[in-house]
Amino acid sequence: MNPQANNPLHGITLERMLTELVARFGWDSLAAVIDIRCFQNEPSIKSSLKFLRRTPWAREQVEALYRREMT
């Protein structure tokens, strides 16, 4: 049995999630939904990915938003 069978995020990279969320909401709206400074001050995919990879609680919020809005 595949342990990832019920995981809707299986095969989706963090970079893809963030890119799709930014394309859909824009940085300003994304920062309003998820209060993370890297989304508010001079946001970029690169700096946001660096922060999200080091900060589990922030990554969980991004993944939850992606599941709610994009799947």
PDB file of N, CA and C in Angstrom:
ATOM      1  N   MET A   1       0.845  -1.188   0.000  1.00  0.00           N
ATOM      2  CA  MET A   1       0.000   0.000   0.000  1.00  0.00           C
ATOM      3  C   MET A   1       0.886   1.246   0.000  1.00  0.00           C
ATOM      4  N   ASN A   2       0.528   2.232  -0.773  1.00  0.00           N
ATOM      5  CA  ASN A   2       1.272   3.481  -0.873  1.00  0.00           C
ATOM      6  C   ASN A   2       0.926   4.381   0.320  1.00  0.00           C
ATOM      7  N   PRO A   3       1.894   4.722   1.180  1.00  0.00           N
ATOM      8  CA  PRO A   3       1.591   5.550   2.350  1.00  0.00           C
ATOM      9  C   PRO A   3       1.181   6.979   1.987  1.00  0.00           C
ATOM     10  N   GLN A   4       1.424   7.412   0.766  1.00  0.00           N
ATOM     11  CA  GLN A   4       1.074   8.771   0.340  1.00  0.00           C
ATOM     12  C   GLN A   4      -0.257   8.828  -0.412  1.00  0.00           C
ATOM     13  N   ALA A   5      -0.978   7.711  -0.488  1.00  0.00           N
ATOM     14  CA  ALA A   5      -2.200   7.644  -1.289  1.00  0.00           C
ATOM     15  C   ALA A   5      -3.240   8.684  -0.884  1.00  0.00           C
ATOM     16  N   ASN A   6      -3.333   9.002   0.396  1.00  0.00           N
ATOM     17  CA  ASN A   6      -4.341   9.957   0.866  1.00  0.00           C
ATOM     18  C   ASN A   6      -3.775  11.346   1.132  1.00  0.00           C
ATOM     19  N   ASN A   7      -2.559  11.594   0.701  1.00  0.00           N
ATOM     20  CA  ASN A   7      -1.921  12.887   0.905  1.00  0.00           C
ATOM     21  C   ASN A   7      -2.140  13.754  -0.332  1.00  0.00           C
ATOM     22  N   PRO A   8      -2.997  14.780  -0.239  1.00  0.00           N
ATOM     23  CA  PRO A   8      -3.269  15.619  -1.414  1.00  0.00           C
ATOM     24  C   PRO A   8      -2.069  16.449  -1.869  1.00  0.00           C
ATOM     25  N   LEU A   9      -1.055  16.565  -1.025  1.00  0.00           N
ATOM     26  CA  LEU A   9       0.124  17.361  -1.381  1.00  0.00           C
ATOM     27  C   LEU A   9       1.270  16.514  -1.914  1.00  0.00           C
ATOM     28  N   HIS A  10       1.072  15.219  -2.022  1.00  0.00           N
ATOM     29  CA  HIS A  10       2.135  14.333  -2.502  1.00  0.00           C
ATOM     30  C   HIS A  10       2.557  14.743  -3.912  1.00  0.00           C
ATOM     31  N   GLY A  11       3.844  14.977  -4.092  1.00  0.00           N
ATOM     32  CA  GLY A  11       4.380  15.338  -5.394  1.00  0.00           C
ATOM     33  C   GLY A  11       4.342  16.828  -5.699  1.00  0.00           C
ATOM     34  N   ILE A  12       3.798  17.625  -4.796  1.00  0.00           N
ATOM     35  CA  ILE A  12       3.730  19.068  -5.004  1.00  0.00           C
ATOM     36  C   ILE A  12       4.807  19.718  -4.144  1.00  0.00           C
ATOM     37  N   THR A  13       5.710  20.427  -4.781  1.00  0.00           N
ATOM     38  CA  THR A  13       6.801  21.056  -4.042  1.00  0.00           C
ATOM     39  C   THR A  13       6.320  22.320  -3.330  1.00  0.00           C
ATOM     40  N   LEU A  14       7.061  22.708  -2.322  1.00  0.00           N
ATOM     41  CA  LEU A  14       6.759  23.940  -1.609  1.00  0.00           C
ATOM     42  C   LEU A  14       6.848  25.135  -2.557  1.00  0.00           C
ATOM     43  N   GLU A  15       7.810  25.104  -3.453  1.00  0.00           N
ATOM     44  CA  GLU A  15       7.959  26.195  -4.421  1.00  0.00           C
ATOM     45  C   GLU A  15       6.726  26.298  -5.317  1.00  0.00           C
ATOM     46  N   ARG A  16       6.223  25.180  -5.770  1.00  0.00           N
ATOM     47  CA  ARG A  16       5.018  25.188  -6.611  1.00  0.00           C
ATOM     48  C   ARG A  16       3.822  25.718  -5.838  1.00  0.00           C
ATOM     49  N   MET A  17       3.673  25.274  -4.583  1.00  0.00           N
ATOM     50  CA  MET A  17       2.560  25.764  -3.758  1.00  0.00           C
ATOM     51  C   MET A  17       2.615  27.277  -3.635  1.00  0.00           C
ATOM     52  N   LEU A  18       3.785  27.778  -3.259  1.00  0.00           N
ATOM     53  CA  LEU A  18       3.943  29.211  -3.043  1.00  0.00           C
ATOM     54  C   LEU A  18       3.723  29.988  -4.333  1.00  0.00           C
ATOM     55  N   THR A  19       4.264  29.510  -5.435  1.00  0.00           N
ATOM     56  CA  THR A  19       4.103  30.182  -6.721  1.00  0.00           C
ATOM     57  C   THR A  19       2.631  30.260  -7.118  1.00  0.00           C
ATOM     58  N   GLU A  20       1.905  29.169  -6.943  1.00  0.00           N
ATOM     59  CA  GLU A  20       0.483  29.154  -7.298  1.00  0.00           C
ATOM     60  C   GLU A  20      -0.335  30.051  -6.375  1.00  0.00           C
ATOM     61  N   LEU A  21      -0.010  30.060  -5.090  1.00  0.00           N
ATOM     62  CA  LEU A  21      -0.721  30.935  -4.153  1.00  0.00           C
ATOM     63  C   LEU A  21      -0.474  32.406  -4.463  1.00  0.00           C
ATOM     64  N   VAL A  22       0.769  32.750  -4.780  1.00  0.00           N
ATOM     65  CA  VAL A  22       1.083  34.142  -5.127  1.00  0.00           C
ATOM     66  C   VAL A  22       0.375  34.531  -6.420  1.00  0.00           C
ATOM     67  N   ALA A  23       0.332  33.635  -7.391  1.00  0.00           N
ATOM     68  CA  ALA A  23      -0.355  33.934  -8.650  1.00  0.00           C
ATOM     69  C   ALA A  23      -1.849  34.138  -8.425  1.00  0.00           C
ATOM     70  N   ARG A  24      -2.417  33.391  -7.508  1.00  0.00           N
ATOM     71  CA  ARG A  24      -3.855  33.496  -7.261  1.00  0.00           C
ATOM     72  C   ARG A  24      -4.213  34.693  -6.384  1.00  0.00           C
ATOM     73  N   PHE A  25      -3.454  34.906  -5.307  1.00  0.00           N
ATOM     74  CA  PHE A  25      -3.809  35.932  -4.331  1.00  0.00           C
ATOM     75  C   PHE A  25      -2.977  37.201  -4.430  1.00  0.00           C
ATOM     76  N   GLY A  26      -1.720  37.088  -4.847  1.00  0.00           N
ATOM     77  CA  GLY A  26      -0.790  38.219  -4.790  1.00  0.00           C
ATOM     78  C   GLY A  26      -0.176  38.280  -3.404  1.00  0.00           C
ATOM     79  N   TRP A  27       0.953  38.953  -3.289  1.00  0.00           N
ATOM     80  CA  TRP A  27       1.665  39.010  -2.015  1.00  0.00           C
ATOM     81  C   TRP A  27       0.855  39.708  -0.935  1.00  0.00           C
ATOM     82  N   ASP A  28       0.168  40.800  -1.282  1.00  0.00           N
ATOM     83  CA  ASP A  28      -0.577  41.558  -0.270  1.00  0.00           C
ATOM     84  C   ASP A  28      -1.691  40.726   0.353  1.00  0.00           C
ATOM     85  N   SER A  29      -2.459  40.056  -0.469  1.00  0.00           N
ATOM     86  CA  SER A  29      -3.552  39.226   0.045  1.00  0.00           C
ATOM     87  C   SER A  29      -3.013  38.017   0.800  1.00  0.00           C
ATOM     88  N   LEU A  30      -1.940  37.448   0.306  1.00  0.00           N
ATOM     89  CA  LEU A  30      -1.331  36.306   0.990  1.00  0.00           C
ATOM     90  C   LEU A  30      -0.832  36.722   2.376  1.00  0.00           C
ATOM     91  N   ALA A  31      -0.248  37.902   2.472  1.00  0.00           N
ATOM     92  CA  ALA A  31       0.220  38.409   3.760  1.00  0.00           C
ATOM     93  C   ALA A  31      -0.940  38.693   4.705  1.00  0.00           C
ATOM     94  N   ALA A  32      -2.084  39.063   4.162  1.00  0.00           N
ATOM     95  CA  ALA A  32      -3.260  39.318   5.003  1.00  0.00           C
ATOM     96  C   ALA A  32      -3.825  38.011   5.562  1.00  0.00           C
ATOM     97  N   VAL A  33      -3.745  36.946   4.772  1.00  0.00           N
ATOM     98  CA  VAL A  33      -4.269  35.653   5.205  1.00  0.00           C
ATOM     99  C   VAL A  33      -3.301  34.956   6.154  1.00  0.00           C
ATOM    100  N   ILE A  34      -2.021  35.005   5.838  1.00  0.00           N
ATOM    101  CA  ILE A  34      -0.983  34.374   6.656  1.00  0.00           C
ATOM    102  C   ILE A  34      -0.016  35.474   7.088  1.00  0.00           C
ATOM    103  N   ASP A  35      -0.041  35.800   8.364  1.00  0.00           N
ATOM    104  CA  ASP A  35       0.747  36.915   8.886  1.00  0.00           C
ATOM    105  C   ASP A  35       2.206  36.495   9.071  1.00  0.00           C
ATOM    106  N   ILE A  36       2.951  36.571   7.965  1.00  0.00           N
ATOM    107  CA  ILE A  36       4.371  36.248   7.971  1.00  0.00           C
ATOM    108  C   ILE A  36       5.110  37.444   7.370  1.00  0.00           C
ATOM    109  N   ARG A  37       6.107  37.920   8.074  1.00  0.00           N
ATOM    110  CA  ARG A  37       6.821  39.119   7.648  1.00  0.00           C
ATOM    111  C   ARG A  37       7.433  38.993   6.255  1.00  0.00           C
ATOM    112  N   CYS A  38       7.901  37.789   5.885  1.00  0.00           N
ATOM    113  CA  CYS A  38       8.545  37.645   4.577  1.00  0.00           C
ATOM    114  C   CYS A  38       7.542  37.794   3.435  1.00  0.00           C
ATOM    115  N   PHE A  39       6.239  37.748   3.738  1.00  0.00           N
ATOM    116  CA  PHE A  39       5.212  38.009   2.729  1.00  0.00           C
ATOM    117  C   PHE A  39       4.879  39.496   2.664  1.00  0.00           C
ATOM    118  N   GLN A  40       5.293  40.247   3.667  1.00  0.00           N
ATOM    119  CA  GLN A  40       4.907  41.654   3.777  1.00  0.00           C
ATOM    120  C   GLN A  40       5.995  42.623   3.322  1.00  0.00           C
ATOM    121  N   ASN A  41       7.239  42.344   3.647  1.00  0.00           N
ATOM    122  CA  ASN A  41       8.338  43.271   3.369  1.00  0.00           C
ATOM    123  C   ASN A  41       9.239  42.732   2.271  1.00  0.00           C
ATOM    124  N   GLU A  42       9.195  43.377   1.125  1.00  0.00           N
ATOM    125  CA  GLU A  42       9.999  42.974  -0.029  1.00  0.00           C
ATOM    126  C   GLU A  42       9.921  41.467  -0.293  1.00  0.00           C
ATOM    127  N   PRO A  43       8.718  40.951  -0.522  1.00  0.00           N
ATOM    128  CA  PRO A  43       8.555  39.512  -0.693  1.00  0.00           C
ATOM    129  C   PRO A  43       9.163  38.996  -1.991  1.00  0.00           C
ATOM    130  N   SER A  44       9.688  37.799  -1.912  1.00  0.00           N
ATOM    131  CA  SER A  44      10.163  37.091  -3.093  1.00  0.00           C
ATOM    132  C   SER A  44       9.983  35.605  -2.838  1.00  0.00           C
ATOM    133  N   ILE A  45       9.918  34.852  -3.911  1.00  0.00           N
ATOM    134  CA  ILE A  45       9.783  33.402  -3.785  1.00  0.00           C
ATOM    135  C   ILE A  45      11.003  32.840  -3.055  1.00  0.00           C
ATOM    136  N   LYS A  46      12.184  33.279  -3.443  1.00  0.00           N
ATOM    137  CA  LYS A  46      13.419  32.751  -2.863  1.00  0.00           C
ATOM    138  C   LYS A  46      13.498  32.975  -1.356  1.00  0.00           C
ATOM    139  N   SER A  47      13.263  34.192  -0.910  1.00  0.00           N
ATOM    140  CA  SER A  47      13.370  34.472   0.525  1.00  0.00           C
ATOM    141  C   SER A  47      12.253  33.791   1.304  1.00  0.00           C
ATOM    142  N   SER A  48      11.079  33.719   0.724  1.00  0.00           N
ATOM    143  CA  SER A  48       9.962  33.060   1.395  1.00  0.00           C
ATOM    144  C   SER A  48      10.206  31.564   1.531  1.00  0.00           C
ATOM    145  N   LEU A  49      10.736  30.946   0.488  1.00  0.00           N
ATOM    146  CA  LEU A  49      11.047  29.516   0.555  1.00  0.00           C
ATOM    147  C   LEU A  49      12.081  29.240   1.630  1.00  0.00           C
ATOM    148  N   LYS A  50      13.096  30.076   1.722  1.00  0.00           N
ATOM    149  CA  LYS A  50      14.136  29.903   2.739  1.00  0.00           C
ATOM    150  C   LYS A  50      13.517  29.943   4.134  1.00  0.00           C
ATOM    151  N   PHE A  51      12.633  30.901   4.371  1.00  0.00           N
ATOM    152  CA  PHE A  51      11.974  31.018   5.666  1.00  0.00           C
ATOM    153  C   PHE A  51      11.056  29.826   5.926  1.00  0.00           C
ATOM    154  N   LEU A  52      10.247  29.470   4.949  1.00  0.00           N
ATOM    155  CA  LEU A  52       9.283  28.382   5.140  1.00  0.00           C
ATOM    156  C   LEU A  52       9.968  27.040   5.385  1.00  0.00           C
ATOM    157  N   ARG A  53      11.101  26.824   4.769  1.00  0.00           N
ATOM    158  CA  ARG A  53      11.823  25.563   4.970  1.00  0.00           C
ATOM    159  C   ARG A  53      12.423  25.468   6.375  1.00  0.00           C
ATOM    160  N   ARG A  54      12.683  26.599   7.000  1.00  0.00           N
ATOM    161  CA  ARG A  54      13.260  26.611   8.349  1.00  0.00           C
ATOM    162  C   ARG A  54      12.210  26.723   9.449  1.00  0.00           C
ATOM    163  N   THR A  55      10.954  27.036   9.075  1.00  0.00           N
ATOM    164  CA  THR A  55       9.938  27.355  10.069  1.00  0.00           C
ATOM    165  C   THR A  55       8.704  26.467   9.879  1.00  0.00           C
ATOM    166  N   PRO A  56       8.631  25.369  10.606  1.00  0.00           N
ATOM    167  CA  PRO A  56       7.542  24.403  10.409  1.00  0.00           C
ATOM    168  C   PRO A  56       6.137  24.986  10.573  1.00  0.00           C
ATOM    169  N   TRP A  57       5.913  25.867  11.555  1.00  0.00           N
ATOM    170  CA  TRP A  57       4.565  26.395  11.749  1.00  0.00           C
ATOM    171  C   TRP A  57       4.117  27.242  10.561  1.00  0.00           C
ATOM    172  N   ALA A  58       5.031  27.973   9.961  1.00  0.00           N
ATOM    173  CA  ALA A  58       4.687  28.802   8.805  1.00  0.00           C
ATOM    174  C   ALA A  58       4.409  27.923   7.592  1.00  0.00           C
ATOM    175  N   ARG A  59       5.218  26.901   7.409  1.00  0.00           N
ATOM    176  CA  ARG A  59       5.011  25.975   6.294  1.00  0.00           C
ATOM    177  C   ARG A  59       3.652  25.283   6.424  1.00  0.00           C
ATOM    178  N   GLU A  60       3.284  24.901   7.633  1.00  0.00           N
ATOM    179  CA  GLU A  60       1.987  24.263   7.856  1.00  0.00           C
ATOM    180  C   GLU A  60       0.842  25.193   7.461  1.00  0.00           C
ATOM    181  N   GLN A  61       0.982  26.476   7.753  1.00  0.00           N
ATOM    182  CA  GLN A  61      -0.063  27.433   7.381  1.00  0.00           C
ATOM    183  C   GLN A  61      -0.173  27.567   5.857  1.00  0.00           C
ATOM    184  N   VAL A  62       0.955  27.599   5.175  1.00  0.00           N
ATOM    185  CA  VAL A  62       0.960  27.691   3.708  1.00  0.00           C
ATOM    186  C   VAL A  62       0.349  26.427   3.109  1.00  0.00           C
ATOM    187  N   GLU A  63       0.720  25.273   3.624  1.00  0.00           N
ATOM    188  CA  GLU A  63       0.176  24.013   3.120  1.00  0.00           C
ATOM    189  C   GLU A  63      -1.322  23.929   3.368  1.00  0.00           C
ATOM    190  N   ALA A  64      -1.783  24.370   4.532  1.00  0.00           N
ATOM    191  CA  ALA A  64      -3.220  24.346   4.832  1.00  0.00           C
ATOM    192  C   ALA A  64      -3.991  25.262   3.883  1.00  0.00           C
ATOM    193  N   LEU A  65      -3.462  26.448   3.628  1.00  0.00           N
ATOM    194  CA  LEU A  65      -4.113  27.373   2.687  1.00  0.00           C
ATOM    195  C   LEU A  65      -4.146  26.766   1.286  1.00  0.00           C
ATOM    196  N   TYR A  66      -3.063  26.166   0.883  1.00  0.00           N
ATOM    197  CA  TYR A  66      -3.005  25.539  -0.439  1.00  0.00           C
ATOM    198  C   TYR A  66      -4.058  24.427  -0.554  1.00  0.00           C
ATOM    199  N   ARG A  67      -4.163  23.590   0.476  1.00  0.00           N
ATOM    200  CA  ARG A  67      -5.164  22.524   0.452  1.00  0.00           C
ATOM    201  C   ARG A  67      -6.575  23.081   0.365  1.00  0.00           C
ATOM    202  N   ARG A  68      -6.841  24.148   1.127  1.00  0.00           N
ATOM    203  CA  ARG A  68      -8.186  24.743   1.127  1.00  0.00           C
ATOM    204  C   ARG A  68      -8.536  25.384  -0.206  1.00  0.00           C
ATOM    205  N   GLU A  69      -7.593  26.102  -0.780  1.00  0.00           N
ATOM    206  CA  GLU A  69      -7.892  26.952  -1.929  1.00  0.00           C
ATOM    207  C   GLU A  69      -7.550  26.354  -3.284  1.00  0.00           C
ATOM    208  N   MET A  70      -6.591  25.446  -3.346  1.00  0.00           N
ATOM    209  CA  MET A  70      -6.087  25.014  -4.642  1.00  0.00           C
ATOM    210  C   MET A  70      -6.415  23.556  -4.979  1.00  0.00           C
ATOM    211  N   THR A  71      -6.855  22.761  -4.020  1.00  0.00           N
ATOM    212  CA  THR A  71      -7.151  21.360  -4.341  1.00  0.00           C
ATOM    213  C   THR A  71      -8.617  21.101  -4.286  1.00  0.00           C
TER     214      THR A  71
END
